[in-house]
Amino acid sequence: TNLTSAGQAAGIEIIASMGSLIEMALTQLIINLRYALMGISLSQ
């Protein structure tokens, strides 16, 4: 359900450390924000 190596690695570490959902959401937002920029560029 995810194609992001860095995002998944960080997510697994947060799960293992019993992190909060807010922590998970913010981490994934920052790590995977580049995909939004790629999508905008690729749309052309």
Full PDB file with SEQRES, HELIX, SHEET, SSBOND, CRYST1, ORIGX, SCALE, CONECT and MASTER records, all heavy atoms in Angstrom:
SEQRES   1 A   44  THR ASN LEU THR SER ALA GLY GLN ALA ALA GLY ILE GLU          
SEQRES   2 A   44  ILE ILE ALA SER MET GLY SER LEU ILE GLU MET ALA LEU          
SEQRES   3 A   44  THR GLN LEU ILE ILE ASN LEU ARG TYR ALA LEU MET GLY          
SEQRES   4 A   44  ILE SER LEU SER GLN                                          
HELIX    1 AA1 SER A    5  ALA A   16  1                                  12    
HELIX    2 AA2 LEU A   21  LEU A   42  1                                  22    
CRYST1    1.000    1.000    1.000  90.00  90.00  90.00 P 1           1          
ORIGX1      1.000000  0.000000  0.000000        0.00000                         
ORIGX2      0.000000  1.000000  0.000000        0.00000                         
ORIGX3      0.000000  0.000000  1.000000        0.00000                         
SCALE1      1.000000  0.000000  0.000000        0.00000                         
SCALE2      0.000000  1.000000  0.000000        0.00000                         
SCALE3      0.000000  0.000000  1.000000        0.00000                         
ATOM      1  N   THR A   1       0.811  -1.218   0.000  1.00  0.00           N  
ATOM      2  CA  THR A   1       0.000   0.000   0.000  1.00  0.00           C  
ATOM      3  C   THR A   1       0.845   1.270   0.000  1.00  0.00           C  
ATOM      4  O   THR A   1       0.301   2.377   0.002  1.00  0.00           O  
ATOM      5  CB  THR A   1      -0.931   0.020   1.228  1.00  0.00           C  
ATOM      6  OG1 THR A   1      -0.152  -0.163   2.423  1.00  0.00           O  
ATOM      7  CG2 THR A   1      -1.956  -1.104   1.144  1.00  0.00           C  
ATOM      8  N   ASN A   2       2.173   1.117   0.009  1.00  0.00           N  
ATOM      9  CA  ASN A   2       3.073   2.278  -0.008  1.00  0.00           C  
ATOM     10  C   ASN A   2       4.268   1.987  -0.898  1.00  0.00           C  
ATOM     11  O   ASN A   2       4.856   0.909  -0.816  1.00  0.00           O  
ATOM     12  CB  ASN A   2       3.591   2.591   1.397  1.00  0.00           C  
ATOM     13  CG  ASN A   2       2.495   2.998   2.352  1.00  0.00           C  
ATOM     14  OD1 ASN A   2       2.154   4.163   2.466  1.00  0.00           O  
ATOM     15  ND2 ASN A   2       1.928   2.014   3.038  1.00  0.00           N  
ATOM     16  N   LEU A   3       4.636   2.957  -1.714  1.00  0.00           N  
ATOM     17  CA  LEU A   3       5.841   2.823  -2.520  1.00  0.00           C  
ATOM     18  C   LEU A   3       6.802   3.951  -2.147  1.00  0.00           C  
ATOM     19  O   LEU A   3       7.020   4.893  -2.895  1.00  0.00           O  
ATOM     20  CB  LEU A   3       5.498   2.894  -4.016  1.00  0.00           C  
ATOM     21  CG  LEU A   3       4.769   1.694  -4.612  1.00  0.00           C  
ATOM     22  CD1 LEU A   3       4.405   1.949  -6.069  1.00  0.00           C  
ATOM     23  CD2 LEU A   3       5.619   0.439  -4.501  1.00  0.00           C  
ATOM     24  N   THR A   4       7.368   3.847  -0.965  1.00  0.00           N  
ATOM     25  CA  THR A   4       8.302   4.874  -0.504  1.00  0.00           C  
ATOM     26  C   THR A   4       9.284   4.247   0.484  1.00  0.00           C  
ATOM     27  O   THR A   4       8.916   3.928   1.617  1.00  0.00           O  
ATOM     28  CB  THR A   4       7.559   6.048   0.162  1.00  0.00           C  
ATOM     29  OG1 THR A   4       8.480   6.815   0.941  1.00  0.00           O  
ATOM     30  CG2 THR A   4       6.414   5.557   1.044  1.00  0.00           C  
ATOM     31  N   SER A   5      10.502   4.045   0.052  1.00  0.00           N  
ATOM     32  CA  SER A   5      11.484   3.370   0.899  1.00  0.00           C  
ATOM     33  C   SER A   5      11.796   4.169   2.161  1.00  0.00           C  
ATOM     34  O   SER A   5      11.742   3.649   3.272  1.00  0.00           O  
ATOM     35  CB  SER A   5      12.766   3.117   0.105  1.00  0.00           C  
ATOM     36  OG  SER A   5      13.273   4.338  -0.436  1.00  0.00           O  
ATOM     37  N   ALA A   6      12.101   5.457   1.993  1.00  0.00           N  
ATOM     38  CA  ALA A   6      12.441   6.280   3.156  1.00  0.00           C  
ATOM     39  C   ALA A   6      11.245   6.441   4.079  1.00  0.00           C  
ATOM     40  O   ALA A   6      11.369   6.370   5.307  1.00  0.00           O  
ATOM     41  CB  ALA A   6      12.942   7.651   2.698  1.00  0.00           C  
ATOM     42  N   GLY A   7      10.065   6.635   3.495  1.00  0.00           N  
ATOM     43  CA  GLY A   7       8.859   6.793   4.299  1.00  0.00           C  
ATOM     44  C   GLY A   7       8.528   5.536   5.084  1.00  0.00           C  
ATOM     45  O   GLY A   7       8.151   5.600   6.257  1.00  0.00           O  
ATOM     46  N   GLN A   8       8.671   4.378   4.448  1.00  0.00           N  
ATOM     47  CA  GLN A   8       8.377   3.126   5.133  1.00  0.00           C  
ATOM     48  C   GLN A   8       9.403   2.839   6.224  1.00  0.00           C  
ATOM     49  O   GLN A   8       9.048   2.358   7.307  1.00  0.00           O  
ATOM     50  CB  GLN A   8       8.352   1.967   4.135  1.00  0.00           C  
ATOM     51  CG  GLN A   8       7.091   1.948   3.294  1.00  0.00           C  
ATOM     52  CD  GLN A   8       7.059   0.790   2.328  1.00  0.00           C  
ATOM     53  OE1 GLN A   8       6.968   0.962   1.131  1.00  0.00           O  
ATOM     54  NE2 GLN A   8       7.113  -0.417   2.850  1.00  0.00           N  
ATOM     55  N   ALA A   9      10.667   3.106   5.948  1.00  0.00           N  
ATOM     56  CA  ALA A   9      11.701   2.873   6.956  1.00  0.00           C  
ATOM     57  C   ALA A   9      11.445   3.725   8.193  1.00  0.00           C  
ATOM     58  O   ALA A   9      11.537   3.242   9.330  1.00  0.00           O  
ATOM     59  CB  ALA A   9      13.078   3.176   6.374  1.00  0.00           C  
ATOM     60  N   ALA A  10      11.101   4.996   7.970  1.00  0.00           N  
ATOM     61  CA  ALA A  10      10.795   5.885   9.091  1.00  0.00           C  
ATOM     62  C   ALA A  10       9.518   5.446   9.792  1.00  0.00           C  
ATOM     63  O   ALA A  10       9.429   5.479  11.024  1.00  0.00           O  
ATOM     64  CB  ALA A  10      10.667   7.324   8.598  1.00  0.00           C  
ATOM     65  N   GLY A  11       8.527   5.031   9.008  1.00  0.00           N  
ATOM     66  CA  GLY A  11       7.257   4.591   9.588  1.00  0.00           C  
ATOM     67  C   GLY A  11       7.411   3.363  10.459  1.00  0.00           C  
ATOM     68  O   GLY A  11       6.825   3.280  11.545  1.00  0.00           O  
ATOM     69  N   ILE A  12       8.204   2.412  10.000  1.00  0.00           N  
ATOM     70  CA  ILE A  12       8.441   1.190  10.784  1.00  0.00           C  
ATOM     71  C   ILE A  12       9.142   1.521  12.096  1.00  0.00           C  
ATOM     72  O   ILE A  12       8.837   0.959  13.147  1.00  0.00           O  
ATOM     73  CB  ILE A  12       9.264   0.186   9.956  1.00  0.00           C  
ATOM     74  CG1 ILE A  12       8.408  -0.380   8.818  1.00  0.00           C  
ATOM     75  CG2 ILE A  12       9.795  -0.945  10.833  1.00  0.00           C  
ATOM     76  CD1 ILE A  12       9.175  -1.237   7.835  1.00  0.00           C  
ATOM     77  N   GLU A  13      10.073   2.466  12.035  1.00  0.00           N  
ATOM     78  CA  GLU A  13      10.789   2.861  13.256  1.00  0.00           C  
ATOM     79  C   GLU A  13       9.828   3.524  14.251  1.00  0.00           C  
ATOM     80  O   GLU A  13       9.924   3.304  15.458  1.00  0.00           O  
ATOM     81  CB  GLU A  13      11.925   3.817  12.908  1.00  0.00           C  
ATOM     82  CG  GLU A  13      12.862   4.093  14.070  1.00  0.00           C  
ATOM     83  CD  GLU A  13      14.127   4.825  13.656  1.00  0.00           C  
ATOM     84  OE1 GLU A  13      14.339   4.990  12.444  1.00  0.00           O  
ATOM     85  OE2 GLU A  13      14.882   5.220  14.556  1.00  0.00           O  
ATOM     86  N   ILE A  14       8.888   4.323  13.726  1.00  0.00           N  
ATOM     87  CA  ILE A  14       7.915   4.978  14.601  1.00  0.00           C  
ATOM     88  C   ILE A  14       6.970   3.946  15.216  1.00  0.00           C  
ATOM     89  O   ILE A  14       6.627   4.017  16.398  1.00  0.00           O  
ATOM     90  CB  ILE A  14       7.113   6.036  13.809  1.00  0.00           C  
ATOM     91  CG1 ILE A  14       8.031   7.173  13.391  1.00  0.00           C  
ATOM     92  CG2 ILE A  14       5.949   6.571  14.647  1.00  0.00           C  
ATOM     93  CD1 ILE A  14       7.381   8.176  12.465  1.00  0.00           C  
ATOM     94  N   ILE A  15       6.551   2.971  14.409  1.00  0.00           N  
ATOM     95  CA  ILE A  15       5.686   1.907  14.926  1.00  0.00           C  
ATOM     96  C   ILE A  15       6.400   1.119  16.022  1.00  0.00           C  
ATOM     97  O   ILE A  15       5.818   0.810  17.064  1.00  0.00           O  
ATOM     98  CB  ILE A  15       5.259   0.964  13.782  1.00  0.00           C  
ATOM     99  CG1 ILE A  15       4.332   1.697  12.804  1.00  0.00           C  
ATOM    100  CG2 ILE A  15       4.546  -0.271  14.333  1.00  0.00           C  
ATOM    101  CD1 ILE A  15       4.001   0.898  11.562  1.00  0.00           C  
ATOM    102  N   ALA A  16       7.668   0.803  15.777  1.00  0.00           N  
ATOM    103  CA  ALA A  16       8.435   0.021  16.748  1.00  0.00           C  
ATOM    104  C   ALA A  16       8.613   0.775  18.069  1.00  0.00           C  
ATOM    105  O   ALA A  16       8.661   0.159  19.141  1.00  0.00           O  
ATOM    106  CB  ALA A  16       9.801  -0.343  16.167  1.00  0.00           C  
ATOM    107  N   SER A  17       8.691   2.101  17.977  1.00  0.00           N  
ATOM    108  CA  SER A  17       8.885   2.901  19.196  1.00  0.00           C  
ATOM    109  C   SER A  17       7.565   3.380  19.796  1.00  0.00           C  
ATOM    110  O   SER A  17       7.569   4.224  20.698  1.00  0.00           O  
ATOM    111  CB  SER A  17       9.779   4.110  18.890  1.00  0.00           C  
ATOM    112  OG  SER A  17       9.176   4.941  17.913  1.00  0.00           O  
ATOM    113  N   MET A  18       6.433   2.856  19.253  1.00  0.00           N  
ATOM    114  CA  MET A  18       5.102   3.200  19.753  1.00  0.00           C  
ATOM    115  C   MET A  18       4.825   4.697  19.648  1.00  0.00           C  
ATOM    116  O   MET A  18       4.290   5.343  20.549  1.00  0.00           O  
ATOM    117  CB  MET A  18       4.944   2.738  21.204  1.00  0.00           C  
ATOM    118  CG  MET A  18       5.172   1.254  21.422  1.00  0.00           C  
ATOM    119  SD  MET A  18       3.936   0.236  20.573  1.00  0.00           S  
ATOM    120  CE  MET A  18       2.488   0.595  21.549  1.00  0.00           C  
ATOM    121  N   GLY A  19       5.205   5.274  18.503  1.00  0.00           N  
ATOM    122  CA  GLY A  19       4.977   6.696  18.286  1.00  0.00           C  
ATOM    123  C   GLY A  19       3.508   7.006  18.055  1.00  0.00           C  
ATOM    124  O   GLY A  19       2.693   6.119  17.784  1.00  0.00           O  
ATOM    125  N   SER A  20       3.158   8.286  18.109  1.00  0.00           N  
ATOM    126  CA  SER A  20       1.766   8.709  17.945  1.00  0.00           C  
ATOM    127  C   SER A  20       1.402   8.828  16.470  1.00  0.00           C  
ATOM    128  O   SER A  20       2.269   8.867  15.590  1.00  0.00           O  
ATOM    129  CB  SER A  20       1.546  10.062  18.627  1.00  0.00           C  
ATOM    130  OG  SER A  20       2.303  11.076  17.977  1.00  0.00           O  
ATOM    131  N   LEU A  21       0.102   8.905  16.192  1.00  0.00           N  
ATOM    132  CA  LEU A  21      -0.379   9.064  14.821  1.00  0.00           C  
ATOM    133  C   LEU A  21       0.022  10.421  14.253  1.00  0.00           C  
ATOM    134  O   LEU A  21       0.320  10.540  13.055  1.00  0.00           O  
ATOM    135  CB  LEU A  21      -1.903   8.907  14.778  1.00  0.00           C  
ATOM    136  CG  LEU A  21      -2.448   7.507  15.073  1.00  0.00           C  
ATOM    137  CD1 LEU A  21      -3.974   7.528  15.077  1.00  0.00           C  
ATOM    138  CD2 LEU A  21      -1.934   6.495  14.048  1.00  0.00           C  
ATOM    139  N   ILE A  22       0.024  11.438  15.100  1.00  0.00           N  
ATOM    140  CA  ILE A  22       0.449  12.769  14.640  1.00  0.00           C  
ATOM    141  C   ILE A  22       1.909  12.746  14.227  1.00  0.00           C  
ATOM    142  O   ILE A  22       2.300  13.306  13.199  1.00  0.00           O  
ATOM    143  CB  ILE A  22       0.231  13.813  15.763  1.00  0.00           C  
ATOM    144  CG1 ILE A  22      -1.264  13.963  16.059  1.00  0.00           C  
ATOM    145  CG2 ILE A  22       0.836  15.152  15.377  1.00  0.00           C  
ATOM    146  CD1 ILE A  22      -1.568  14.923  17.187  1.00  0.00           C  
ATOM    147  N   GLU A  23       2.715  12.072  15.019  1.00  0.00           N  
ATOM    148  CA  GLU A  23       4.135  11.919  14.703  1.00  0.00           C  
ATOM    149  C   GLU A  23       4.310  11.204  13.373  1.00  0.00           C  
ATOM    150  O   GLU A  23       5.115  11.607  12.527  1.00  0.00           O  
ATOM    151  CB  GLU A  23       4.818  11.128  15.817  1.00  0.00           C  
ATOM    152  CG  GLU A  23       6.310  10.964  15.670  1.00  0.00           C  
ATOM    153  CD  GLU A  23       6.899  10.187  16.819  1.00  0.00           C  
ATOM    154  OE1 GLU A  23       6.192   9.947  17.807  1.00  0.00           O  
ATOM    155  OE2 GLU A  23       8.083   9.812  16.725  1.00  0.00           O  
ATOM    156  N   MET A  24       3.542  10.155  13.155  1.00  0.00           N  
ATOM    157  CA  MET A  24       3.607   9.401  11.900  1.00  0.00           C  
ATOM    158  C   MET A  24       3.187  10.268  10.717  1.00  0.00           C  
ATOM    159  O   MET A  24       3.851  10.296   9.672  1.00  0.00           O  
ATOM    160  CB  MET A  24       2.705   8.170  11.989  1.00  0.00           C  
ATOM    161  CG  MET A  24       2.610   7.352  10.708  1.00  0.00           C  
ATOM    162  SD  MET A  24       4.133   6.467  10.315  1.00  0.00           S  
ATOM    163  CE  MET A  24       3.967   5.054  11.431  1.00  0.00           C  
ATOM    164  N   ALA A  25       2.076  11.000  10.876  1.00  0.00           N  
ATOM    165  CA  ALA A  25       1.546  11.818   9.782  1.00  0.00           C  
ATOM    166  C   ALA A  25       2.524  12.922   9.378  1.00  0.00           C  
ATOM    167  O   ALA A  25       2.784  13.138   8.188  1.00  0.00           O  
ATOM    168  CB  ALA A  25       0.205  12.416  10.188  1.00  0.00           C  
ATOM    169  N   LEU A  26       3.091  13.618  10.366  1.00  0.00           N  
ATOM    170  CA  LEU A  26       4.020  14.706  10.067  1.00  0.00           C  
ATOM    171  C   LEU A  26       5.306  14.183   9.421  1.00  0.00           C  
ATOM    172  O   LEU A  26       5.842  14.789   8.497  1.00  0.00           O  
ATOM    173  CB  LEU A  26       4.352  15.467  11.350  1.00  0.00           C  
ATOM    174  CG  LEU A  26       3.222  16.318  11.940  1.00  0.00           C  
ATOM    175  CD1 LEU A  26       3.651  16.920  13.278  1.00  0.00           C  
ATOM    176  CD2 LEU A  26       2.821  17.417  10.968  1.00  0.00           C  
ATOM    177  N   THR A  27       5.774  13.044   9.915  1.00  0.00           N  
ATOM    178  CA  THR A  27       6.987  12.443   9.347  1.00  0.00           C  
ATOM    179  C   THR A  27       6.779  12.059   7.891  1.00  0.00           C  
ATOM    180  O   THR A  27       7.610  12.358   7.024  1.00  0.00           O  
ATOM    181  CB  THR A  27       7.401  11.194  10.158  1.00  0.00           C  
ATOM    182  OG1 THR A  27       7.608  11.556  11.516  1.00  0.00           O  
ATOM    183  CG2 THR A  27       8.677  10.584   9.592  1.00  0.00           C  
ATOM    184  N   GLN A  28       5.658  11.410   7.604  1.00  0.00           N  
ATOM    185  CA  GLN A  28       5.377  10.992   6.236  1.00  0.00           C  
ATOM    186  C   GLN A  28       5.168  12.199   5.326  1.00  0.00           C  
ATOM    187  O   GLN A  28       5.562  12.182   4.152  1.00  0.00           O  
ATOM    188  CB  GLN A  28       4.141  10.088   6.197  1.00  0.00           C  
ATOM    189  CG  GLN A  28       4.289   8.774   6.947  1.00  0.00           C  
ATOM    190  CD  GLN A  28       5.492   7.972   6.491  1.00  0.00           C  
ATOM    191  OE1 GLN A  28       5.740   7.823   5.298  1.00  0.00           O  
ATOM    192  NE2 GLN A  28       6.256   7.455   7.447  1.00  0.00           N  
ATOM    193  N   LEU A  29       4.553  13.250   5.855  1.00  0.00           N  
ATOM    194  CA  LEU A  29       4.341  14.456   5.062  1.00  0.00           C  
ATOM    195  C   LEU A  29       5.659  15.062   4.618  1.00  0.00           C  
ATOM    196  O   LEU A  29       5.844  15.404   3.447  1.00  0.00           O  
ATOM    197  CB  LEU A  29       3.536  15.479   5.872  1.00  0.00           C  
ATOM    198  CG  LEU A  29       3.334  16.847   5.201  1.00  0.00           C  
ATOM    199  CD1 LEU A  29       2.506  16.705   3.933  1.00  0.00           C  
ATOM    200  CD2 LEU A  29       2.667  17.818   6.165  1.00  0.00           C  
ATOM    201  N   ILE A  30       6.596  15.183   5.543  1.00  0.00           N  
ATOM    202  CA  ILE A  30       7.886  15.800   5.225  1.00  0.00           C  
ATOM    203  C   ILE A  30       8.712  14.922   4.295  1.00  0.00           C  
ATOM    204  O   ILE A  30       9.292  15.392   3.312  1.00  0.00           O  
ATOM    205  CB  ILE A  30       8.661  16.086   6.523  1.00  0.00           C  
ATOM    206  CG1 ILE A  30       7.976  17.218   7.295  1.00  0.00           C  
ATOM    207  CG2 ILE A  30      10.110  16.448   6.232  1.00  0.00           C  
ATOM    208  CD1 ILE A  30       8.611  17.555   8.625  1.00  0.00           C  
ATOM    209  N   ILE A  31       8.750  13.619   4.581  1.00  0.00           N  
ATOM    210  CA  ILE A  31       9.572  12.718   3.768  1.00  0.00           C  
ATOM    211  C   ILE A  31       9.018  12.571   2.357  1.00  0.00           C  
ATOM    212  O   ILE A  31       9.772  12.534   1.379  1.00  0.00           O  
ATOM    213  CB  ILE A  31       9.669  11.336   4.445  1.00  0.00           C  
ATOM    214  CG1 ILE A  31      10.487  11.434   5.738  1.00  0.00           C  
ATOM    215  CG2 ILE A  31      10.305  10.305   3.503  1.00  0.00           C  
ATOM    216  CD1 ILE A  31      10.595  10.131   6.492  1.00  0.00           C  
ATOM    217  N   ASN A  32       7.693  12.508   2.234  1.00  0.00           N  
ATOM    218  CA  ASN A  32       7.084  12.204   0.935  1.00  0.00           C  
ATOM    219  C   ASN A  32       6.554  13.426   0.193  1.00  0.00           C  
ATOM    220  O   ASN A  32       5.905  13.280  -0.851  1.00  0.00           O  
ATOM    221  CB  ASN A  32       5.943  11.202   1.130  1.00  0.00           C  
ATOM    222  CG  ASN A  32       6.444   9.883   1.683  1.00  0.00           C  
ATOM    223  OD1 ASN A  32       7.483   9.371   1.273  1.00  0.00           O  
ATOM    224  ND2 ASN A  32       5.713   9.318   2.641  1.00  0.00           N  
ATOM    225  N   LEU A  33       6.834  14.615   0.706  1.00  0.00           N  
ATOM    226  CA  LEU A  33       6.333  15.825   0.055  1.00  0.00           C  
ATOM    227  C   LEU A  33       6.871  15.968  -1.365  1.00  0.00           C  
ATOM    228  O   LEU A  33       6.217  16.546  -2.234  1.00  0.00           O  
ATOM    229  CB  LEU A  33       6.706  17.051   0.893  1.00  0.00           C  
ATOM    230  CG  LEU A  33       6.108  18.391   0.458  1.00  0.00           C  
ATOM    231  CD1 LEU A  33       4.586  18.329   0.491  1.00  0.00           C  
ATOM    232  CD2 LEU A  33       6.620  19.524   1.342  1.00  0.00           C  
ATOM    233  N   ARG A  34       8.047  15.427  -1.607  1.00  0.00           N  
ATOM    234  CA  ARG A  34       8.645  15.542  -2.939  1.00  0.00           C  
ATOM    235  C   ARG A  34       7.787  14.880  -4.014  1.00  0.00           C  
ATOM    236  O   ARG A  34       7.834  15.267  -5.190  1.00  0.00           O  
ATOM    237  CB  ARG A  34      10.047  14.934  -2.938  1.00  0.00           C  
ATOM    238  CG  ARG A  34      10.100  13.419  -2.810  1.00  0.00           C  
ATOM    239  CD  ARG A  34      11.532  12.942  -2.645  1.00  0.00           C  
ATOM    240  NE  ARG A  34      11.663  11.498  -2.727  1.00  0.00           N  
ATOM    241  CZ  ARG A  34      11.410  10.667  -1.713  1.00  0.00           C  
ATOM    242  NH1 ARG A  34      11.008  11.159  -0.553  1.00  0.00           N  
ATOM    243  NH2 ARG A  34      11.571   9.359  -1.865  1.00  0.00           N  
ATOM    244  N   TYR A  35       7.010  13.867  -3.637  1.00  0.00           N  
ATOM    245  CA  TYR A  35       6.187  13.184  -4.626  1.00  0.00           C  
ATOM    246  C   TYR A  35       5.091  14.092  -5.171  1.00  0.00           C  
ATOM    247  O   TYR A  35       4.673  13.949  -6.320  1.00  0.00           O  
ATOM    248  CB  TYR A  35       5.568  11.920  -4.016  1.00  0.00           C  
ATOM    249  CG  TYR A  35       6.581  10.848  -3.696  1.00  0.00           C  
ATOM    250  CD1 TYR A  35       6.616  10.241  -2.449  1.00  0.00           C  
ATOM    251  CD2 TYR A  35       7.515  10.449  -4.649  1.00  0.00           C  
ATOM    252  CE1 TYR A  35       7.555   9.260  -2.158  1.00  0.00           C  
ATOM    253  CE2 TYR A  35       8.451   9.480  -4.372  1.00  0.00           C  
ATOM    254  CZ  TYR A  35       8.471   8.888  -3.123  1.00  0.00           C  
ATOM    255  OH  TYR A  35       9.413   7.926  -2.839  1.00  0.00           O  
ATOM    256  N   ALA A  36       4.623  15.020  -4.342  1.00  0.00           N  
ATOM    257  CA  ALA A  36       3.633  15.983  -4.825  1.00  0.00           C  
ATOM    258  C   ALA A  36       4.243  16.874  -5.905  1.00  0.00           C  
ATOM    259  O   ALA A  36       3.596  17.155  -6.927  1.00  0.00           O  
ATOM    260  CB  ALA A  36       3.117  16.832  -3.655  1.00  0.00           C  
ATOM    261  N   LEU A  37       5.484  17.295  -5.686  1.00  0.00           N  
ATOM    262  CA  LEU A  37       6.165  18.121  -6.678  1.00  0.00           C  
ATOM    263  C   LEU A  37       6.429  17.330  -7.962  1.00  0.00           C  
ATOM    264  O   LEU A  37       6.289  17.857  -9.075  1.00  0.00           O  
ATOM    265  CB  LEU A  37       7.483  18.646  -6.105  1.00  0.00           C  
ATOM    266  CG  LEU A  37       7.368  19.465  -4.812  1.00  0.00           C  
ATOM    267  CD1 LEU A  37       8.738  19.872  -4.311  1.00  0.00           C  
ATOM    268  CD2 LEU A  37       6.502  20.691  -5.050  1.00  0.00           C  
ATOM    269  N   MET A  38       6.793  16.059  -7.805  1.00  0.00           N  
ATOM    270  CA  MET A  38       6.995  15.205  -8.975  1.00  0.00           C  
ATOM    271  C   MET A  38       5.695  15.041  -9.749  1.00  0.00           C  
ATOM    272  O   MET A  38       5.683  15.064 -10.988  1.00  0.00           O  
ATOM    273  CB  MET A  38       7.514  13.827  -8.546  1.00  0.00           C  
ATOM    274  CG  MET A  38       8.918  13.815  -8.001  1.00  0.00           C  
ATOM    275  SD  MET A  38       9.421  12.136  -7.536  1.00  0.00           S  
ATOM    276  CE  MET A  38      10.958  12.463  -6.692  1.00  0.00           C  
ATOM    277  N   GLY A  39       4.604  14.849  -9.019  1.00  0.00           N  
ATOM    278  CA  GLY A  39       3.312  14.668  -9.670  1.00  0.00           C  
ATOM    279  C   GLY A  39       2.898  15.887 -10.466  1.00  0.00           C  
ATOM    280  O   GLY A  39       2.390  15.770 -11.592  1.00  0.00           O  
ATOM    281  N   ILE A  40       3.116  17.075  -9.900  1.00  0.00           N  
ATOM    282  CA  ILE A  40       2.776  18.313 -10.602  1.00  0.00           C  
ATOM    283  C   ILE A  40       3.604  18.446 -11.867  1.00  0.00           C  
ATOM    284  O   ILE A  40       3.091  18.818 -12.935  1.00  0.00           O  
ATOM    285  CB  ILE A  40       3.007  19.528  -9.682  1.00  0.00           C  
ATOM    286  CG1 ILE A  40       2.013  19.487  -8.516  1.00  0.00           C  
ATOM    287  CG2 ILE A  40       2.854  20.830 -10.463  1.00  0.00           C  
ATOM    288  CD1 ILE A  40       2.266  20.544  -7.461  1.00  0.00           C  
ATOM    289  N   SER A  41       4.897  18.133 -11.764  1.00  0.00           N  
ATOM    290  CA  SER A  41       5.775  18.212 -12.935  1.00  0.00           C  
ATOM    291  C   SER A  41       5.393  17.176 -13.991  1.00  0.00           C  
ATOM    292  O   SER A  41       5.337  17.479 -15.187  1.00  0.00           O  
ATOM    293  CB  SER A  41       7.230  18.011 -12.499  1.00  0.00           C  
ATOM    294  OG  SER A  41       8.099  18.057 -13.602  1.00  0.00           O  
ATOM    295  N   LEU A  42       5.106  15.944 -13.544  1.00  0.00           N  
ATOM    296  CA  LEU A  42       4.793  14.865 -14.476  1.00  0.00           C  
ATOM    297  C   LEU A  42       3.449  15.078 -15.158  1.00  0.00           C  
ATOM    298  O   LEU A  42       3.227  14.574 -16.261  1.00  0.00           O  
ATOM    299  CB  LEU A  42       4.797  13.522 -13.743  1.00  0.00           C  
ATOM    300  CG  LEU A  42       4.665  12.253 -14.590  1.00  0.00           C  
ATOM    301  CD1 LEU A  42       5.791  12.168 -15.613  1.00  0.00           C  
ATOM    302  CD2 LEU A  42       4.657  11.016 -13.697  1.00  0.00           C  
ATOM    303  N   SER A  43       2.554  15.802 -14.523  1.00  0.00           N  
ATOM    304  CA  SER A  43       1.232  16.033 -15.113  1.00  0.00           C  
ATOM    305  C   SER A  43       1.322  16.741 -16.461  1.00  0.00           C  
ATOM    306  O   SER A  43       0.412  16.624 -17.291  1.00  0.00           O  
ATOM    307  CB  SER A  43       0.366  16.854 -14.145  1.00  0.00           C  
ATOM    308  OG  SER A  43       0.893  18.154 -13.970  1.00  0.00           O  
ATOM    309  N   GLN A  44       2.431  17.460 -16.688  1.00  0.00           N  
ATOM    310  CA  GLN A  44       2.609  18.149 -17.964  1.00  0.00           C  
ATOM    311  C   GLN A  44       2.973  17.181 -19.088  1.00  0.00           C  
ATOM    312  O   GLN A  44       2.878  17.535 -20.266  1.00  0.00           O  
ATOM    313  CB  GLN A  44       3.721  19.196 -17.841  1.00  0.00           C  
ATOM    314  CG  GLN A  44       3.578  20.119 -16.644  1.00  0.00           C  
ATOM    315  CD  GLN A  44       2.249  20.848 -16.623  1.00  0.00           C  
ATOM    316  OE1 GLN A  44       1.828  21.410 -17.630  1.00  0.00           O  
ATOM    317  NE2 GLN A  44       1.582  20.831 -15.476  1.00  0.00           N  
TER     318      GLN A  44                                                      
MASTER        0    0    0    2    0    0    0    6  317    1    0    4          
END                                                                             
